[in-house]
Amino acid sequence: MPEQNFELEHQKALHNLKQNLPDNNDLDAMVNIFKAFGDMTRVKIILALAETPLSVGEIADTLDMSQSSISHQLSILKQLNLVSNARKGRNIHYRLSDQHIITIFKQTQEHIIEDENDF
């Protein structure tokens, strides 16, 4: 009898899995975000913007990179809606679009620390 209950529950779980998987458009958006996270410069920019809104020049100075390379990376992050910008005087300051981005990074860091402690 317990094996029959397991099989029934397993079949329900499979049905729910098929019903709850995101559609291909959502999956594509997720993949593109993770691709963006796969670049160390973009990760550094995100971590810097987690602290405070910054201009391109401030990010470039902080990361010791050219403004043109920072602008290029910011445009990618902006296309993915990971960062937004607002004019402040003569400068445009960038900031993270929302706190979900920081949550992803914090959980990733917790995962790394957890894995280090397992060894």
N, C-alpha and C. Protein backbone atom coordinates (compact mmCIF):
# COMPACT_ATOMS: atom_id res chain seq x y z
N MET A 1 0.81 -1.20 0.00
CA MET A 1 0.00 0.00 0.00
C MET A 1 0.85 1.27 0.00
N PRO A 2 1.92 1.36 0.83
CA PRO A 2 2.74 2.58 0.81
C PRO A 2 3.36 2.84 -0.56
N GLU A 3 3.72 1.77 -1.29
CA GLU A 3 4.31 1.95 -2.62
C GLU A 3 3.28 2.53 -3.58
N GLN A 4 2.02 2.13 -3.44
CA GLN A 4 0.96 2.65 -4.29
C GLN A 4 0.74 4.14 -4.01
N ASN A 5 0.78 4.55 -2.73
CA ASN A 5 0.64 5.96 -2.36
C ASN A 5 1.79 6.78 -2.93
N PHE A 6 2.99 6.22 -2.86
CA PHE A 6 4.15 6.92 -3.42
C PHE A 6 3.96 7.15 -4.91
N GLU A 7 3.53 6.14 -5.63
CA GLU A 7 3.35 6.24 -7.08
C GLU A 7 2.29 7.29 -7.42
N LEU A 8 1.20 7.31 -6.67
CA LEU A 8 0.14 8.29 -6.90
C LEU A 8 0.66 9.71 -6.65
N GLU A 9 1.37 9.89 -5.55
CA GLU A 9 1.94 11.21 -5.23
C GLU A 9 2.96 11.63 -6.28
N HIS A 10 3.74 10.67 -6.74
CA HIS A 10 4.75 10.96 -7.76
C HIS A 10 4.08 11.40 -9.06
N GLN A 11 3.02 10.74 -9.46
CA GLN A 11 2.30 11.10 -10.68
C GLN A 11 1.68 12.50 -10.55
N LYS A 12 1.16 12.82 -9.37
CA LYS A 12 0.62 14.17 -9.13
C LYS A 12 1.73 15.21 -9.25
N ALA A 13 2.89 14.89 -8.68
CA ALA A 13 4.02 15.83 -8.73
C ALA A 13 4.46 16.05 -10.18
N LEU A 14 4.52 14.99 -10.98
CA LEU A 14 4.88 15.13 -12.39
C LEU A 14 3.87 15.99 -13.14
N HIS A 15 2.61 15.79 -12.87
CA HIS A 15 1.57 16.60 -13.51
C HIS A 15 1.73 18.07 -13.14
N ASN A 16 1.94 18.34 -11.85
CA ASN A 16 2.12 19.71 -11.39
C ASN A 16 3.38 20.33 -11.99
N LEU A 17 4.42 19.54 -12.12
CA LEU A 17 5.66 20.04 -12.71
C LEU A 17 5.42 20.53 -14.13
N LYS A 18 4.72 19.73 -14.92
CA LYS A 18 4.43 20.11 -16.30
C LYS A 18 3.58 21.37 -16.36
N GLN A 19 2.65 21.51 -15.44
CA GLN A 19 1.76 22.67 -15.42
C GLN A 19 2.47 23.94 -14.96
N ASN A 20 3.48 23.80 -14.10
CA ASN A 20 4.09 24.96 -13.45
C ASN A 20 5.41 25.43 -14.07
N LEU A 21 5.92 24.71 -15.06
CA LEU A 21 7.15 25.17 -15.69
C LEU A 21 6.89 26.49 -16.41
N PRO A 22 7.80 27.44 -16.31
CA PRO A 22 7.63 28.71 -17.03
C PRO A 22 7.61 28.47 -18.54
N ASP A 23 6.96 29.38 -19.26
CA ASP A 23 6.94 29.24 -20.71
C ASP A 23 8.31 29.62 -21.28
N ASN A 24 8.51 29.34 -22.55
CA ASN A 24 9.82 29.55 -23.16
C ASN A 24 10.27 31.01 -23.14
N ASN A 25 9.34 31.96 -23.24
CA ASN A 25 9.71 33.37 -23.17
C ASN A 25 10.29 33.71 -21.80
N ASP A 26 9.65 33.24 -20.75
CA ASP A 26 10.15 33.48 -19.40
C ASP A 26 11.48 32.77 -19.18
N LEU A 27 11.59 31.54 -19.67
CA LEU A 27 12.85 30.81 -19.53
C LEU A 27 13.98 31.52 -20.28
N ASP A 28 13.69 32.03 -21.45
CA ASP A 28 14.69 32.76 -22.22
C ASP A 28 15.16 34.00 -21.46
N ALA A 29 14.24 34.72 -20.85
CA ALA A 29 14.60 35.89 -20.05
C ALA A 29 15.48 35.49 -18.86
N MET A 30 15.14 34.38 -18.22
CA MET A 30 15.95 33.90 -17.09
C MET A 30 17.36 33.55 -17.54
N VAL A 31 17.46 32.85 -18.66
CA VAL A 31 18.77 32.46 -19.18
C VAL A 31 19.61 33.69 -19.49
N ASN A 32 18.99 34.71 -20.08
CA ASN A 32 19.73 35.92 -20.41
C ASN A 32 20.23 36.65 -19.17
N ILE A 33 19.45 36.63 -18.12
CA ILE A 33 19.90 37.25 -16.87
C ILE A 33 21.09 36.50 -16.30
N PHE A 34 21.02 35.18 -16.30
CA PHE A 34 22.15 34.41 -15.80
C PHE A 34 23.39 34.56 -16.68
N LYS A 35 23.18 34.74 -17.98
CA LYS A 35 24.32 35.04 -18.86
C LYS A 35 24.96 36.36 -18.46
N ALA A 36 24.14 37.34 -18.14
CA ALA A 36 24.67 38.64 -17.70
C ALA A 36 25.48 38.49 -16.43
N PHE A 37 25.03 37.63 -15.54
CA PHE A 37 25.75 37.38 -14.28
C PHE A 37 27.04 36.60 -14.52
N GLY A 38 27.20 36.06 -15.72
CA GLY A 38 28.40 35.28 -16.05
C GLY A 38 29.60 36.12 -16.42
N ASP A 39 29.47 37.43 -16.38
CA ASP A 39 30.58 38.33 -16.71
C ASP A 39 31.05 39.03 -15.44
N MET A 40 32.34 38.91 -15.12
CA MET A 40 32.85 39.45 -13.86
C MET A 40 32.69 40.97 -13.77
N THR A 41 32.87 41.67 -14.89
CA THR A 41 32.71 43.13 -14.85
C THR A 41 31.28 43.50 -14.51
N ARG A 42 30.32 42.82 -15.11
CA ARG A 42 28.92 43.14 -14.80
C ARG A 42 28.59 42.80 -13.35
N VAL A 43 29.16 41.73 -12.83
CA VAL A 43 28.94 41.39 -11.42
C VAL A 43 29.52 42.49 -10.52
N LYS A 44 30.70 42.97 -10.85
CA LYS A 44 31.30 44.06 -10.07
C LYS A 44 30.44 45.31 -10.11
N ILE A 45 29.91 45.62 -11.29
CA ILE A 45 29.03 46.79 -11.41
C ILE A 45 27.80 46.61 -10.54
N ILE A 46 27.19 45.44 -10.59
CA ILE A 46 26.00 45.18 -9.78
C ILE A 46 26.32 45.31 -8.30
N LEU A 47 27.44 44.76 -7.88
CA LEU A 47 27.81 44.86 -6.46
C LEU A 47 28.08 46.30 -6.06
N ALA A 48 28.69 47.08 -6.94
CA ALA A 48 28.92 48.50 -6.64
C ALA A 48 27.60 49.25 -6.52
N LEU A 49 26.69 48.98 -7.46
CA LEU A 49 25.39 49.66 -7.44
C LEU A 49 24.52 49.19 -6.28
N ALA A 50 24.83 48.05 -5.71
CA ALA A 50 24.09 47.59 -4.52
C ALA A 50 24.38 48.51 -3.34
N GLU A 51 25.52 49.18 -3.38
CA GLU A 51 25.89 50.08 -2.28
C GLU A 51 25.25 51.45 -2.41
N THR A 52 25.25 51.99 -3.65
CA THR A 52 24.75 53.35 -3.88
C THR A 52 24.61 53.60 -5.37
N PRO A 53 23.70 54.50 -5.77
CA PRO A 53 23.66 54.87 -7.18
C PRO A 53 24.97 55.55 -7.59
N LEU A 54 25.43 55.28 -8.80
CA LEU A 54 26.70 55.79 -9.28
C LEU A 54 26.62 56.23 -10.73
N SER A 55 27.46 57.20 -11.08
CA SER A 55 27.57 57.61 -12.48
C SER A 55 28.55 56.67 -13.19
N VAL A 56 28.58 56.75 -14.51
CA VAL A 56 29.51 55.93 -15.28
C VAL A 56 30.94 56.22 -14.85
N GLY A 57 31.26 57.50 -14.68
CA GLY A 57 32.61 57.87 -14.26
C GLY A 57 32.98 57.32 -12.90
N GLU A 58 32.04 57.36 -11.98
CA GLU A 58 32.30 56.82 -10.64
C GLU A 58 32.53 55.31 -10.68
N ILE A 59 31.72 54.62 -11.48
CA ILE A 59 31.91 53.17 -11.61
C ILE A 59 33.25 52.88 -12.26
N ALA A 60 33.58 53.62 -13.31
CA ALA A 60 34.86 53.42 -14.01
C ALA A 60 36.03 53.64 -13.06
N ASP A 61 35.98 54.69 -12.26
CA ASP A 61 37.05 54.96 -11.29
C ASP A 61 37.14 53.86 -10.25
N THR A 62 35.99 53.43 -9.74
CA THR A 62 35.95 52.39 -8.71
C THR A 62 36.53 51.08 -9.22
N LEU A 63 36.20 50.73 -10.46
CA LEU A 63 36.63 49.44 -11.01
C LEU A 63 37.92 49.55 -11.82
N ASP A 64 38.46 50.78 -11.90
CA ASP A 64 39.69 51.02 -12.66
C ASP A 64 39.55 50.54 -14.10
N MET A 65 38.48 51.01 -14.74
CA MET A 65 38.19 50.64 -16.13
C MET A 65 37.82 51.89 -16.91
N SER A 66 37.75 51.77 -18.22
CA SER A 66 37.38 52.92 -19.05
C SER A 66 35.88 53.16 -18.98
N GLN A 67 35.50 54.42 -19.17
CA GLN A 67 34.09 54.77 -19.15
C GLN A 67 33.34 54.09 -20.29
N SER A 68 33.99 53.92 -21.44
CA SER A 68 33.30 53.30 -22.58
C SER A 68 32.99 51.82 -22.29
N SER A 69 33.91 51.11 -21.63
CA SER A 69 33.61 49.71 -21.32
C SER A 69 32.53 49.60 -20.25
N ILE A 70 32.52 50.52 -19.30
CA ILE A 70 31.45 50.53 -18.28
C ILE A 70 30.11 50.84 -18.95
N SER A 71 30.10 51.82 -19.84
CA SER A 71 28.85 52.18 -20.54
C SER A 71 28.31 50.99 -21.33
N HIS A 72 29.20 50.26 -21.97
CA HIS A 72 28.77 49.08 -22.73
C HIS A 72 28.12 48.05 -21.81
N GLN A 73 28.76 47.78 -20.69
CA GLN A 73 28.21 46.79 -19.74
C GLN A 73 26.89 47.27 -19.14
N LEU A 74 26.81 48.57 -18.84
CA LEU A 74 25.58 49.11 -18.29
C LEU A 74 24.43 49.01 -19.29
N SER A 75 24.72 49.17 -20.57
CA SER A 75 23.65 49.06 -21.56
C SER A 75 23.09 47.64 -21.60
N ILE A 76 23.95 46.66 -21.44
CA ILE A 76 23.49 45.26 -21.38
C ILE A 76 22.62 45.05 -20.15
N LEU A 77 23.08 45.54 -19.01
CA LEU A 77 22.31 45.40 -17.77
C LEU A 77 20.98 46.14 -17.85
N LYS A 78 20.99 47.29 -18.51
CA LYS A 78 19.75 48.06 -18.65
C LYS A 78 18.76 47.35 -19.57
N GLN A 79 19.24 46.75 -20.65
CA GLN A 79 18.36 46.01 -21.56
C GLN A 79 17.65 44.87 -20.84
N LEU A 80 18.33 44.29 -19.87
CA LEU A 80 17.76 43.18 -19.10
C LEU A 80 16.95 43.66 -17.89
N ASN A 81 16.80 44.98 -17.77
CA ASN A 81 16.06 45.60 -16.68
C ASN A 81 16.68 45.29 -15.31
N LEU A 82 17.99 45.13 -15.29
CA LEU A 82 18.68 44.91 -14.03
C LEU A 82 19.12 46.22 -13.40
N VAL A 83 19.35 47.23 -14.23
CA VAL A 83 19.68 48.57 -13.73
C VAL A 83 18.78 49.59 -14.41
N SER A 84 18.62 50.71 -13.74
CA SER A 84 17.89 51.84 -14.32
C SER A 84 18.74 53.09 -14.09
N ASN A 85 18.34 54.18 -14.71
CA ASN A 85 19.13 55.40 -14.53
C ASN A 85 18.23 56.60 -14.33
N ALA A 86 18.81 57.64 -13.77
CA ALA A 86 18.11 58.91 -13.55
C ALA A 86 19.14 60.03 -13.64
N ARG A 87 18.73 61.12 -14.26
CA ARG A 87 19.63 62.27 -14.38
C ARG A 87 19.67 63.02 -13.06
N LYS A 88 20.89 63.34 -12.63
CA LYS A 88 21.11 64.16 -11.44
C LYS A 88 22.07 65.26 -11.84
N GLY A 89 21.52 66.41 -12.13
CA GLY A 89 22.34 67.51 -12.63
C GLY A 89 22.85 67.18 -14.03
N ARG A 90 24.15 67.24 -14.19
CA ARG A 90 24.74 66.94 -15.50
C ARG A 90 25.06 65.46 -15.67
N ASN A 91 24.96 64.70 -14.61
CA ASN A 91 25.31 63.28 -14.67
C ASN A 91 24.09 62.39 -14.66
N ILE A 92 24.28 61.22 -15.23
CA ILE A 92 23.26 60.17 -15.14
C ILE A 92 23.77 59.16 -14.13
N HIS A 93 22.96 58.89 -13.13
CA HIS A 93 23.32 57.92 -12.11
C HIS A 93 22.53 56.63 -12.34
N TYR A 94 23.23 55.52 -12.20
CA TYR A 94 22.63 54.20 -12.37
C TYR A 94 22.39 53.59 -11.00
N ARG A 95 21.35 52.79 -10.94
CA ARG A 95 21.03 52.07 -9.71
C ARG A 95 20.43 50.74 -10.10
N LEU A 96 20.37 49.82 -9.14
CA LEU A 96 19.73 48.53 -9.39
C LEU A 96 18.23 48.74 -9.54
N SER A 97 17.63 47.99 -10.43
CA SER A 97 16.20 48.15 -10.69
C SER A 97 15.34 47.74 -9.50
N ASP A 98 15.77 46.71 -8.77
CA ASP A 98 15.02 46.28 -7.60
C ASP A 98 15.89 45.40 -6.70
N GLN A 99 15.36 45.03 -5.57
CA GLN A 99 16.10 44.26 -4.57
C GLN A 99 16.24 42.78 -4.94
N HIS A 100 15.48 42.30 -5.91
CA HIS A 100 15.59 40.90 -6.30
C HIS A 100 17.01 40.57 -6.73
N ILE A 101 17.66 41.50 -7.35
CA ILE A 101 19.02 41.29 -7.84
C ILE A 101 19.95 41.02 -6.67
N ILE A 102 19.83 41.82 -5.63
CA ILE A 102 20.68 41.63 -4.44
C ILE A 102 20.36 40.30 -3.78
N THR A 103 19.09 39.92 -3.75
CA THR A 103 18.70 38.64 -3.16
C THR A 103 19.41 37.49 -3.87
N ILE A 104 19.45 37.54 -5.19
CA ILE A 104 20.14 36.50 -5.96
C ILE A 104 21.60 36.42 -5.56
N PHE A 105 22.25 37.58 -5.45
CA PHE A 105 23.68 37.60 -5.11
C PHE A 105 23.92 37.15 -3.67
N LYS A 106 23.06 37.57 -2.75
CA LYS A 106 23.21 37.15 -1.35
C LYS A 106 23.05 35.64 -1.22
N GLN A 107 22.07 35.08 -1.92
CA GLN A 107 21.87 33.63 -1.84
C GLN A 107 23.02 32.88 -2.48
N THR A 108 23.58 33.44 -3.54
CA THR A 108 24.74 32.83 -4.17
C THR A 108 25.92 32.83 -3.20
N GLN A 109 26.13 33.95 -2.54
CA GLN A 109 27.21 34.05 -1.56
C GLN A 109 27.00 33.07 -0.41
N GLU A 110 25.77 32.95 0.06
CA GLU A 110 25.47 31.99 1.13
C GLU A 110 25.75 30.57 0.66
N HIS A 111 25.42 30.28 -0.59
CA HIS A 111 25.68 28.96 -1.15
C HIS A 111 27.19 28.67 -1.17
N ILE A 112 27.98 29.65 -1.56
CA ILE A 112 29.44 29.49 -1.60
C ILE A 112 29.99 29.25 -0.20
N ILE A 113 29.53 30.05 0.76
CA ILE A 113 30.01 29.88 2.14
C ILE A 113 29.60 28.52 2.68
N GLU A 114 28.38 28.10 2.38
CA GLU A 114 27.89 26.79 2.83
C GLU A 114 28.75 25.67 2.25
N ASP A 115 29.06 25.77 0.95
CA ASP A 115 29.90 24.76 0.31
C ASP A 115 31.29 24.74 0.91
N GLU A 116 31.85 25.91 1.24
CA GLU A 116 33.18 25.97 1.85
C GLU A 116 33.19 25.31 3.21
N ASN A 117 32.09 25.46 3.94
CA ASN A 117 32.01 24.87 5.27
C ASN A 117 31.80 23.36 5.23
N ASP A 118 31.36 22.84 4.08
CA ASP A 118 31.15 21.40 3.96
C ASP A 118 32.47 20.62 3.81
N PHE A 119 33.52 21.35 3.47
CA PHE A 119 34.81 20.67 3.23
C PHE A 119 35.60 20.54 4.47
